[in-house]
């Protein structure tokens, strides 16, 4: 699947979804299109990489698993 992006130089292009995160990390794009509209890097919320959760369980029954 491809997503439309706007590069820093203003060029609009479609790129594979797998490379959008890398383009954001490299500051090569300023926006990408979501189903709800354009998301501007630095202005709109962007997903962060998921980190493993190391805290206590969030469910009541988790205390019985230890």
PDB file of N, CA and C in Angstrom:
ATOM      1  N   UNK A   1       0.848  -1.169   0.000  1.00  0.00           N
ATOM      2  CA  UNK A   1       0.000   0.000   0.000  1.00  0.00           C
ATOM      3  C   UNK A   1       0.899   1.239   0.000  1.00  0.00           C
ATOM      4  N   UNK A   2       0.431   2.290  -0.628  1.00  0.00           N
ATOM      5  CA  UNK A   2       1.208   3.520  -0.706  1.00  0.00           C
ATOM      6  C   UNK A   2       0.478   4.665  -0.010  1.00  0.00           C
ATOM      7  N   UNK A   3       1.267   5.608   0.479  1.00  0.00           N
ATOM      8  CA  UNK A   3       0.756   6.790   1.168  1.00  0.00           C
ATOM      9  C   UNK A   3       1.338   8.016   0.485  1.00  0.00           C
ATOM     10  N   UNK A   4       0.513   9.028   0.314  1.00  0.00           N
ATOM     11  CA  UNK A   4       1.018  10.273  -0.259  1.00  0.00           C
ATOM     12  C   UNK A   4       1.743  11.063   0.821  1.00  0.00           C
ATOM     13  N   UNK A   5       2.896  11.615   0.448  1.00  0.00           N
ATOM     14  CA  UNK A   5       3.712  12.413   1.361  1.00  0.00           C
ATOM     15  C   UNK A   5       4.094  13.713   0.670  1.00  0.00           C
ATOM     16  N   UNK A   6       4.441  14.702   1.492  1.00  0.00           N
ATOM     17  CA  UNK A   6       4.982  15.954   0.978  1.00  0.00           C
ATOM     18  C   UNK A   6       6.410  16.053   1.484  1.00  0.00           C
ATOM     19  N   UNK A   7       7.354  16.073   0.538  1.00  0.00           N
ATOM     20  CA  UNK A   7       8.762  16.198   0.893  1.00  0.00           C
ATOM     21  C   UNK A   7       9.076  17.637   1.315  1.00  0.00           C
ATOM     22  N   UNK A   8      10.211  17.824   1.957  1.00  0.00           N
ATOM     23  CA  UNK A   8      10.620  19.146   2.453  1.00  0.00           C
ATOM     24  C   UNK A   8      10.721  20.173   1.328  1.00  0.00           C
ATOM     25  N   UNK A   9      10.982  19.726   0.103  1.00  0.00           N
ATOM     26  CA  UNK A   9      11.079  20.660  -1.021  1.00  0.00           C
ATOM     27  C   UNK A   9       9.739  20.925  -1.697  1.00  0.00           C
ATOM     28  N   UNK A  10       8.650  20.380  -1.128  1.00  0.00           N
ATOM     29  CA  UNK A  10       7.310  20.635  -1.642  1.00  0.00           C
ATOM     30  C   UNK A  10       6.785  19.611  -2.629  1.00  0.00           C
ATOM     31  N   UNK A  11       7.600  18.661  -3.016  1.00  0.00           N
ATOM     32  CA  UNK A  11       7.177  17.632  -3.963  1.00  0.00           C
ATOM     33  C   UNK A  11       6.211  16.670  -3.272  1.00  0.00           C
ATOM     34  N   UNK A  12       5.096  16.371  -3.935  1.00  0.00           N
ATOM     35  CA  UNK A  12       4.129  15.398  -3.430  1.00  0.00           C
ATOM     36  C   UNK A  12       4.369  14.095  -4.175  1.00  0.00           C
ATOM     37  N   UNK A  13       4.456  12.992  -3.415  1.00  0.00           N
ATOM     38  CA  UNK A  13       4.710  11.687  -4.025  1.00  0.00           C
ATOM     39  C   UNK A  13       4.016  10.601  -3.222  1.00  0.00           C
ATOM     40  N   UNK A  14       3.859   9.443  -3.823  1.00  0.00           N
ATOM     41  CA  UNK A  14       3.330   8.265  -3.136  1.00  0.00           C
ATOM     42  C   UNK A  14       4.492   7.335  -2.826  1.00  0.00           C
ATOM     43  N   UNK A  15       4.554   6.886  -1.586  1.00  0.00           N
ATOM     44  CA  UNK A  15       5.625   5.988  -1.159  1.00  0.00           C
ATOM     45  C   UNK A  15       5.016   4.798  -0.432  1.00  0.00           C
ATOM     46  N   UNK A  16       5.722   3.672  -0.375  1.00  0.00           N
ATOM     47  CA  UNK A  16       5.229   2.517   0.388  1.00  0.00           C
ATOM     48  C   UNK A  16       5.087   2.872   1.878  1.00  0.00           C
ATOM     49  N   UNK A  17       4.076   2.336   2.503  1.00  0.00           N
ATOM     50  CA  UNK A  17       3.853   2.611   3.922  1.00  0.00           C
ATOM     51  C   UNK A  17       5.049   2.234   4.778  1.00  0.00           C
ATOM     52  N   UNK A  18       5.804   1.238   4.338  1.00  0.00           N
ATOM     53  CA  UNK A  18       6.938   0.755   5.124  1.00  0.00           C
ATOM     54  C   UNK A  18       8.070   1.780   5.242  1.00  0.00           C
ATOM     55  N   UNK A  19       8.121   2.798   4.388  1.00  0.00           N
ATOM     56  CA  UNK A  19       9.217   3.761   4.447  1.00  0.00           C
ATOM     57  C   UNK A  19       8.822   5.097   5.074  1.00  0.00           C
ATOM     58  N   UNK A  20       7.548   5.298   5.370  1.00  0.00           N
ATOM     59  CA  UNK A  20       7.103   6.584   5.919  1.00  0.00           C
ATOM     60  C   UNK A  20       7.794   6.894   7.247  1.00  0.00           C
ATOM     61  N   UNK A  21       7.883   5.922   8.130  1.00  0.00           N
ATOM     62  CA  UNK A  21       8.539   6.142   9.419  1.00  0.00           C
ATOM     63  C   UNK A  21       9.983   6.574   9.267  1.00  0.00           C
ATOM     64  N   UNK A  22      10.675   5.960   8.341  1.00  0.00           N
ATOM     65  CA  UNK A  22      12.085   6.310   8.109  1.00  0.00           C
ATOM     66  C   UNK A  22      12.211   7.713   7.531  1.00  0.00           C
ATOM     67  N   UNK A  23      11.312   8.081   6.635  1.00  0.00           N
ATOM     68  CA  UNK A  23      11.327   9.435   6.071  1.00  0.00           C
ATOM     69  C   UNK A  23      11.093  10.479   7.159  1.00  0.00           C
ATOM     70  N   UNK A  24      10.231  10.157   8.121  1.00  0.00           N
ATOM     71  CA  UNK A  24       9.987  11.070   9.248  1.00  0.00           C
ATOM     72  C   UNK A  24      11.257  11.204  10.084  1.00  0.00           C
ATOM     73  N   UNK A  25      11.886  10.066  10.404  1.00  0.00           N
ATOM     74  CA  UNK A  25      13.119  10.085  11.204  1.00  0.00           C
ATOM     75  C   UNK A  25      14.212  10.912  10.544  1.00  0.00           C
ATOM     76  N   UNK A  26      14.294  10.853   9.226  1.00  0.00           N
ATOM     77  CA  UNK A  26      15.335  11.564   8.489  1.00  0.00           C
ATOM     78  C   UNK A  26      14.947  13.006   8.147  1.00  0.00           C
ATOM     79  N   UNK A  27      13.783  13.443   8.634  1.00  0.00           N
ATOM     80  CA  UNK A  27      13.275  14.801   8.368  1.00  0.00           C
ATOM     81  C   UNK A  27      13.183  15.107   6.878  1.00  0.00           C
ATOM     82  N   UNK A  28      12.832  14.112   6.091  1.00  0.00           N
ATOM     83  CA  UNK A  28      12.722  14.305   4.651  1.00  0.00           C
ATOM     84  C   UNK A  28      11.316  14.689   4.205  1.00  0.00           C
ATOM     85  N   UNK A  29      10.316  14.432   5.060  1.00  0.00           N
ATOM     86  CA  UNK A  29       8.949  14.810   4.702  1.00  0.00           C
ATOM     87  C   UNK A  29       8.385  15.768   5.742  1.00  0.00           C
ATOM     88  N   UNK A  30       7.451  16.601   5.300  1.00  0.00           N
ATOM     89  CA  UNK A  30       6.823  17.562   6.210  1.00  0.00           C
ATOM     90  C   UNK A  30       5.388  17.168   6.529  1.00  0.00           C
ATOM     91  N   UNK A  31       4.803  16.263   5.722  1.00  0.00           N
ATOM     92  CA  UNK A  31       3.432  15.822   5.967  1.00  0.00           C
ATOM     93  C   UNK A  31       3.174  14.505   5.238  1.00  0.00           C
ATOM     94  N   UNK A  32       2.162  13.775   5.713  1.00  0.00           N
ATOM     95  CA  UNK A  32       1.698  12.582   5.018  1.00  0.00           C
ATOM     96  C   UNK A  32       0.188  12.531   5.144  1.00  0.00           C
ATOM     97  N   UNK A  33      -0.439  11.848   4.204  1.00  0.00           N
ATOM     98  CA  UNK A  33      -1.900  11.840   4.152  1.00  0.00           C
ATOM     99  C   UNK A  33      -2.458  10.656   4.915  1.00  0.00           C
ATOM    100  N   UNK A  34      -3.397  10.963   5.793  1.00  0.00           N
ATOM    101  CA  UNK A  34      -4.150   9.949   6.531  1.00  0.00           C
ATOM    102  C   UNK A  34      -5.558   9.896   5.940  1.00  0.00           C
ATOM    103  N   UNK A  35      -6.342   8.944   6.384  1.00  0.00           N
ATOM    104  CA  UNK A  35      -7.725   8.878   5.903  1.00  0.00           C
ATOM    105  C   UNK A  35      -8.511  10.115   6.348  1.00  0.00           C
ATOM    106  N   UNK A  36      -8.080  10.724   7.453  1.00  0.00           N
ATOM    107  CA  UNK A  36      -8.775  11.911   7.980  1.00  0.00           C
ATOM    108  C   UNK A  36      -8.197  13.223   7.435  1.00  0.00           C
ATOM    109  N   UNK A  37      -7.175  13.150   6.602  1.00  0.00           N
ATOM    110  CA  UNK A  37      -6.566  14.355   6.043  1.00  0.00           C
ATOM    111  C   UNK A  37      -5.058  14.321   6.208  1.00  0.00           C
ATOM    112  N   UNK A  38      -4.429  15.455   5.946  1.00  0.00           N
ATOM    113  CA  UNK A  38      -2.973  15.547   6.021  1.00  0.00           C
ATOM    114  C   UNK A  38      -2.502  15.696   7.462  1.00  0.00           C
ATOM    115  N   UNK A  39      -1.455  14.963   7.829  1.00  0.00           N
ATOM    116  CA  UNK A  39      -0.820  15.071   9.143  1.00  0.00           C
ATOM    117  C   UNK A  39       0.510  15.789   8.953  1.00  0.00           C
ATOM    118  N   UNK A  40       0.665  16.924   9.618  1.00  0.00           N
ATOM    119  CA  UNK A  40       1.893  17.707   9.517  1.00  0.00           C
ATOM    120  C   UNK A  40       2.872  17.274  10.605  1.00  0.00           C
ATOM    121  N   UNK A  41       4.078  16.946  10.203  1.00  0.00           N
ATOM    122  CA  UNK A  41       5.110  16.505  11.138  1.00  0.00           C
ATOM    123  C   UNK A  41       5.445  17.681  12.066  1.00  0.00           C
ATOM    124  N   UNK A  42       5.440  17.427  13.368  1.00  0.00           N
ATOM    125  CA  UNK A  42       5.746  18.462  14.345  1.00  0.00           C
ATOM    126  C   UNK A  42       4.518  19.208  14.845  1.00  0.00           C
ATOM    127  N   UNK A  43       3.382  19.037  14.175  1.00  0.00           N
ATOM    128  CA  UNK A  43       2.151  19.705  14.601  1.00  0.00           C
ATOM    129  C   UNK A  43       1.089  18.707  15.036  1.00  0.00           C
ATOM    130  N   UNK A  44       0.901  17.659  14.246  1.00  0.00           N
ATOM    131  CA  UNK A  44      -0.113  16.650  14.546  1.00  0.00           C
ATOM    132  C   UNK A  44       0.522  15.466  15.266  1.00  0.00           C
ATOM    133  N   UNK A  45      -0.255  14.788  16.109  1.00  0.00           N
ATOM    134  CA  UNK A  45       0.293  13.627  16.817  1.00  0.00           C
ATOM    135  C   UNK A  45       0.688  12.525  15.835  1.00  0.00           C
ATOM    136  N   UNK A  46       1.873  11.984  16.050  1.00  0.00           N
ATOM    137  CA  UNK A  46       2.407  10.895  15.238  1.00  0.00           C
ATOM    138  C   UNK A  46       2.706   9.738  16.180  1.00  0.00           C
ATOM    139  N   UNK A  47       2.414   8.526  15.744  1.00  0.00           N
ATOM    140  CA  UNK A  47       2.712   7.367  16.590  1.00  0.00           C
ATOM    141  C   UNK A  47       4.195   7.282  16.878  1.00  0.00           C
ATOM    142  N   UNK A  48       4.502   6.891  18.095  1.00  0.00           N
ATOM    143  CA  UNK A  48       5.887   6.667  18.492  1.00  0.00           C
ATOM    144  C   UNK A  48       6.155   5.173  18.422  1.00  0.00           C
ATOM    145  N   UNK A  49       7.420   4.801  18.349  1.00  0.00           N
ATOM    146  CA  UNK A  49       7.757   3.383  18.375  1.00  0.00           C
ATOM    147  C   UNK A  49       7.317   2.803  19.713  1.00  0.00           C
ATOM    148  N   UNK A  50       6.728   1.631  19.659  1.00  0.00           N
ATOM    149  CA  UNK A  50       6.257   0.977  20.874  1.00  0.00           C
ATOM    150  C   UNK A  50       7.442   0.436  21.668  1.00  0.00           C
ATOM    151  N   UNK A  51       7.470   0.729  22.943  1.00  0.00           N
ATOM    152  CA  UNK A  51       8.499   0.211  23.833  1.00  0.00           C
ATOM    153  C   UNK A  51       7.878  -0.897  24.685  1.00  0.00           C
ATOM    154  N   UNK A  52       8.637  -1.921  24.995  1.00  0.00           N
ATOM    155  CA  UNK A  52       8.081  -2.975  25.852  1.00  0.00           C
ATOM    156  C   UNK A  52       7.647  -2.392  27.195  1.00  0.00           C
ATOM    157  N   UNK A  53       6.499  -2.836  27.663  1.00  0.00           N
ATOM    158  CA  UNK A  53       5.987  -2.362  28.942  1.00  0.00           C
ATOM    159  C   UNK A  53       6.579  -3.208  30.047  1.00  0.00           C
ATOM    160  N   UNK A  54       7.291  -2.570  30.983  1.00  0.00           N
ATOM    161  CA  UNK A  54       7.943  -3.308  32.059  1.00  0.00           C
ATOM    162  C   UNK A  54       7.319  -3.075  33.418  1.00  0.00           C
ATOM    163  N   UNK A  55       6.210  -2.367  33.456  1.00  0.00           N
ATOM    164  CA  UNK A  55       5.573  -2.034  34.726  1.00  0.00           C
ATOM    165  C   UNK A  55       4.633  -3.127  35.201  1.00  0.00           C
ATOM    166  N   UNK A  56       3.937  -2.857  36.295  1.00  0.00           N
ATOM    167  CA  UNK A  56       2.993  -3.840  36.827  1.00  0.00           C
ATOM    168  C   UNK A  56       1.828  -4.036  35.858  1.00  0.00           C
ATOM    169  N   UNK A  57       1.183  -5.183  35.972  1.00  0.00           N
ATOM    170  CA  UNK A  57       0.041  -5.482  35.113  1.00  0.00           C
ATOM    171  C   UNK A  57      -1.071  -4.464  35.289  1.00  0.00           C
ATOM    172  N   UNK A  58      -1.830  -4.267  34.259  1.00  0.00           N
ATOM    173  CA  UNK A  58      -2.896  -3.275  34.297  1.00  0.00           C
ATOM    174  C   UNK A  58      -4.245  -3.897  34.628  1.00  0.00           C
ATOM    175  N   UNK A  59      -4.321  -5.201  34.610  1.00  0.00           N
ATOM    176  CA  UNK A  59      -5.583  -5.864  34.881  1.00  0.00           C
ATOM    177  C   UNK A  59      -5.573  -6.459  36.289  1.00  0.00           C
ATOM    178  N   UNK A  60      -6.741  -6.542  36.857  1.00  0.00           N
ATOM    179  CA  UNK A  60      -6.861  -7.025  38.227  1.00  0.00           C
ATOM    180  C   UNK A  60      -6.293  -8.445  38.371  1.00  0.00           C
ATOM    181  N   UNK A  61      -6.529  -9.311  37.384  1.00  0.00           N
ATOM    182  CA  UNK A  61      -6.079 -10.692  37.514  1.00  0.00           C
ATOM    183  C   UNK A  61      -4.570 -10.858  37.310  1.00  0.00           C
ATOM    184  N   UNK A  62      -3.880  -9.832  36.810  1.00  0.00           N
ATOM    185  CA  UNK A  62      -2.431  -9.945  36.595  1.00  0.00           C
ATOM    186  C   UNK A  62      -1.672 -10.241  37.887  1.00  0.00           C
ATOM    187  N   UNK A  63      -2.183  -9.786  39.020  1.00  0.00           N
ATOM    188  CA  UNK A  63      -1.468 -10.036  40.279  1.00  0.00           C
ATOM    189  C   UNK A  63      -1.436 -11.515  40.639  1.00  0.00           C
ATOM    190  N   UNK A  64      -2.354 -12.297  40.073  1.00  0.00           N
ATOM    191  CA  UNK A  64      -2.376 -13.727  40.371  1.00  0.00           C
ATOM    192  C   UNK A  64      -1.450 -14.522  39.458  1.00  0.00           C
ATOM    193  N   UNK A  65      -0.930 -13.872  38.418  1.00  0.00           N
ATOM    194  CA  UNK A  65      -0.066 -14.572  37.478  1.00  0.00           C
ATOM    195  C   UNK A  65       1.364 -14.679  37.963  1.00  0.00           C
ATOM    196  N   UNK A  66       1.758 -13.896  38.946  1.00  0.00           N
ATOM    197  CA  UNK A  66       3.146 -13.902  39.438  1.00  0.00           C
ATOM    198  C   UNK A  66       3.387 -14.967  40.450  1.00  0.00           C
TER     199      UNK A  66
END
